C-alpha atoms as a PDB file:
ATOM      1  CA  MET A   1    -182.024-213.204  39.539  1.00  0.00           C
ATOM      2  CA  LYS A   2    -182.205-210.090  41.800  1.00  0.00           C
ATOM      3  CA  TYR A   3    -185.361-209.377  43.733  1.00  0.00           C
ATOM      4  CA  LYS A   4    -186.437-205.993  45.065  1.00  0.00           C
ATOM      5  CA  ILE A   5    -189.049-205.080  47.566  1.00  0.00           C
ATOM      6  CA  LYS A   6    -190.921-201.860  46.848  1.00  0.00           C
ATOM      7  CA  SER A   7    -192.570-199.991  49.763  1.00  0.00           C
ATOM      8  CA  ARG A   8    -193.737-196.496  50.682  1.00  0.00           C
ATOM      9  CA  ILE A   9    -194.258-195.268  54.176  1.00  0.00           C
ATOM     10  CA  TRP A  10    -195.957-192.194  55.561  1.00  0.00           C
ATOM     11  CA  ILE A  11    -196.813-190.765  59.009  1.00  0.00           C
ATOM     12  CA  GLU A  12    -200.352-190.171  59.939  1.00  0.00           C
ATOM     13  CA  ALA A  13    -201.845-187.909  62.590  1.00  0.00           C
ATOM     14  CA  ASP A  14    -205.471-188.764  63.590  1.00  0.00           C
ATOM     15  CA  ASP A  15    -205.967-190.988  60.460  1.00  0.00           C
ATOM     16  CA  ASN A  16    -204.847-188.137  58.123  1.00  0.00           C
ATOM     17  CA  ILE A  17    -201.542-188.090  56.258  1.00  0.00           C
ATOM     18  CA  LEU A  18    -199.079-185.963  58.002  1.00  0.00           C
ATOM     19  CA  LEU A  19    -195.859-186.678  56.149  1.00  0.00           C
ATOM     20  CA  GLY A  20    -194.803-188.808  53.265  1.00  0.00           C
ATOM     21  CA  GLU A  21    -192.151-188.694  50.410  1.00  0.00           C
ATOM     22  CA  GLY A  22    -194.001-186.013  48.469  1.00  0.00           C
ATOM     23  CA  ARG A  23    -194.456-183.678  51.403  1.00  0.00           C
ATOM     24  CA  VAL A  24    -190.893-184.180  52.504  1.00  0.00           C
ATOM     25  CA  ALA A  25    -189.681-183.307  48.996  1.00  0.00           C
ATOM     26  CA  LEU A  26    -191.760-180.107  49.163  1.00  0.00           C
ATOM     27  CA  LEU A  27    -190.300-179.260  52.568  1.00  0.00           C
ATOM     28  CA  LYS A  28    -186.783-179.827  51.353  1.00  0.00           C
ATOM     29  CA  ALA A  29    -187.421-177.592  48.318  1.00  0.00           C
ATOM     30  CA  ILE A  30    -188.797-174.849  50.559  1.00  0.00           C
ATOM     31  CA  GLU A  31    -185.615-175.158  52.698  1.00  0.00           C
ATOM     32  CA  GLU A  32    -183.515-174.846  49.497  1.00  0.00           C
ATOM     33  CA  THR A  33    -185.355-171.964  47.855  1.00  0.00           C
ATOM     34  CA  GLY A  34    -186.778-169.997  50.768  1.00  0.00           C
ATOM     35  CA  SER A  35    -190.094-169.738  48.852  1.00  0.00           C
ATOM     36  CA  LEU A  36    -193.171-171.799  48.614  1.00  0.00           C
ATOM     37  CA  SER A  37    -193.844-170.698  44.999  1.00  0.00           C
ATOM     38  CA  LYS A  38    -190.252-171.560  43.935  1.00  0.00           C
ATOM     39  CA  ALA A  39    -190.391-174.820  45.738  1.00  0.00           C
ATOM     40  CA  ALA A  40    -193.700-175.790  44.010  1.00  0.00           C
ATOM     41  CA  LYS A  41    -192.299-174.721  40.600  1.00  0.00           C
ATOM     42  CA  SER A  42    -189.196-176.835  41.113  1.00  0.00           C
ATOM     43  CA  LEU A  43    -191.349-179.846  41.779  1.00  0.00           C
ATOM     44  CA  LYS A  44    -193.732-179.117  38.851  1.00  0.00           C
ATOM     45  CA  MET A  45    -196.543-178.639  41.397  1.00  0.00           C
ATOM     46  CA  SER A  46    -199.122-175.883  41.391  1.00  0.00           C
ATOM     47  CA  TYR A  47    -198.748-173.183  44.046  1.00  0.00           C
ATOM     48  CA  LYS A  48    -202.300-173.880  45.179  1.00  0.00           C
ATOM     49  CA  LYS A  49    -201.486-177.604  45.694  1.00  0.00           C
ATOM     50  CA  ALA A  50    -198.248-176.717  47.538  1.00  0.00           C
ATOM     51  CA  TRP A  51    -200.106-174.220  49.771  1.00  0.00           C
ATOM     52  CA  SER A  52    -202.801-176.774  50.500  1.00  0.00           C
ATOM     53  CA  LEU A  53    -200.200-179.383  51.551  1.00  0.00           C
ATOM     54  CA  ILE A  54    -198.244-176.941  53.738  1.00  0.00           C
ATOM     55  CA  ASP A  55    -201.493-175.600  55.331  1.00  0.00           C
ATOM     56  CA  ALA A  56    -202.714-179.249  56.092  1.00  0.00           C
ATOM     57  CA  LEU A  57    -199.206-180.096  57.485  1.00  0.00           C
ATOM     58  CA  ASN A  58    -199.065-177.060  59.790  1.00  0.00           C
ATOM     59  CA  SER A  59    -202.588-177.712  61.074  1.00  0.00           C
ATOM     60  CA  ARG A  60    -201.963-181.440  61.821  1.00  0.00           C
ATOM     61  CA  ALA A  61    -198.557-181.223  63.308  1.00  0.00           C
ATOM     62  CA  GLN A  62    -197.853-180.515  66.963  1.00  0.00           C
ATOM     63  CA  LYS A  63    -196.051-177.331  66.090  1.00  0.00           C
ATOM     64  CA  GLN A  64    -195.685-175.133  63.056  1.00  0.00           C
ATOM     65  CA  VAL A  65    -193.631-176.801  60.328  1.00  0.00           C
ATOM     66  CA  VAL A  66    -193.253-174.000  57.840  1.00  0.00           C
ATOM     67  CA  ALA A  67    -193.318-170.292  58.613  1.00  0.00           C
ATOM     68  CA  THR A  68    -194.380-167.967  55.830  1.00  0.00           C
ATOM     69  CA  SER A  69    -194.054-164.237  55.368  1.00  0.00           C
ATOM     70  CA  ILE A  70    -196.303-162.173  53.170  1.00  0.00           C
ATOM     71  CA  GLY A  71    -194.857-160.593  50.011  1.00  0.00           C
ATOM     72  CA  GLY A  72    -193.948-156.940  49.964  1.00  0.00           C
ATOM     73  CA  LYS A  73    -191.121-154.828  48.596  1.00  0.00           C
ATOM     74  CA  GLY A  74    -188.660-157.748  49.024  1.00  0.00           C
ATOM     75  CA  GLY A  75    -191.169-160.411  48.353  1.00  0.00           C
ATOM     76  CA  GLY A  76    -192.497-162.983  50.755  1.00  0.00           C
ATOM     77  CA  GLY A  77    -190.814-166.191  51.805  1.00  0.00           C
ATOM     78  CA  ALA A  78    -191.132-169.520  53.508  1.00  0.00           C
ATOM     79  CA  GLU A  79    -188.810-171.433  55.772  1.00  0.00           C
ATOM     80  CA  LEU A  80    -188.862-174.583  57.782  1.00  0.00           C
ATOM     81  CA  THR A  81    -189.093-174.183  61.481  1.00  0.00           C
ATOM     82  CA  ASP A  82    -186.668-176.101  63.679  1.00  0.00           C
ATOM     83  CA  TYR A  83    -189.590-178.455  64.330  1.00  0.00           C
ATOM     84  CA  GLY A  84    -190.049-178.884  60.496  1.00  0.00           C
ATOM     85  CA  ARG A  85    -186.363-179.693  60.002  1.00  0.00           C
ATOM     86  CA  ASN A  86    -186.536-182.260  62.856  1.00  0.00           C
ATOM     87  CA  LEU A  87    -189.653-183.859  61.253  1.00  0.00           C
ATOM     88  CA  VAL A  88    -187.893-184.147  57.846  1.00  0.00           C
ATOM     89  CA  ASN A  89    -184.808-185.659  59.510  1.00  0.00           C
ATOM     90  CA  ALA A  90    -186.952-188.114  61.473  1.00  0.00           C
ATOM     91  CA  PHE A  91    -188.947-189.164  58.408  1.00  0.00           C
ATOM     92  CA  GLU A  92    -185.775-189.702  56.396  1.00  0.00           C
ATOM     93  CA  THR A  93    -184.174-191.782  59.158  1.00  0.00           C
ATOM     94  CA  ILE A  94    -187.313-193.910  59.651  1.00  0.00           C
ATOM     95  CA  ASN A  95    -187.538-194.317  55.804  1.00  0.00           C
ATOM     96  CA  GLN A  96    -183.872-195.393  55.529  1.00  0.00           C
ATOM     97  CA  ASN A  97    -184.250-197.765  58.458  1.00  0.00           C
ATOM     98  CA  CYS A  98    -187.309-199.290  56.784  1.00  0.00           C
ATOM     99  CA  TRP A  99    -185.457-199.926  53.515  1.00  0.00           C
ATOM    100  CA  ASP A 100    -182.441-201.360  55.426  1.00  0.00           C
ATOM    101  CA  PHE A 101    -184.773-203.737  57.258  1.00  0.00           C
ATOM    102  CA  LEU A 102    -186.558-204.803  54.077  1.00  0.00           C
ATOM    103  CA  ASP A 103    -183.205-205.471  52.399  1.00  0.00           C
ATOM    104  CA  GLN A 104    -182.079-207.604  55.307  1.00  0.00           C
ATOM    105  CA  GLU A 105    -185.287-209.537  55.303  1.00  0.00           C
ATOM    106  CA  MET A 106    -185.100-210.141  51.558  1.00  0.00           C
ATOM    107  CA  LYS A 107    -181.617-211.577  51.964  1.00  0.00           C
ATOM    108  CA  LYS A 108    -182.668-213.736  54.845  1.00  0.00           C
ATOM    109  CA  GLN A 109    -185.868-215.047  53.172  1.00  0.00           C
ATOM    110  CA  LEU A 110    -184.948-215.397  49.525  1.00  0.00           C
ATOM    111  CA  TYR A 111    -181.266-215.844  49.251  1.00  0.00           C
ATOM    112  CA  HIS A 112    -180.542-218.757  51.540  1.00  0.00           C
ATOM    113  CA  ASP A 113    -180.578-222.501  50.791  1.00  0.00           C
ATOM    114  CA  PHE A 114    -183.748-224.302  51.522  1.00  0.00           C
END
């Protein structure tokens, strides 16, 4: 029999969610598409929901995470700031370290002879 531990982590700022798997997915989609609307569409999320998440993220973070430009002749756009990229990398590293730790604990606790 093979056991699995399931867990989700997120980072809070003043008791409000700052960053979790869903927001990281949105940030990565913005990085890939250069557009909030395209990122939202690729995640099957409404533009309004995506905008709300990014607005909350930008207001809770220490620095701006996503920079947006208003549409015009060439259209608008969105991109991660350097701080935003660092946040995504930090979250993914912490998340992976958490999974590695849980896997090690599972092996220590459940797969040894009693």
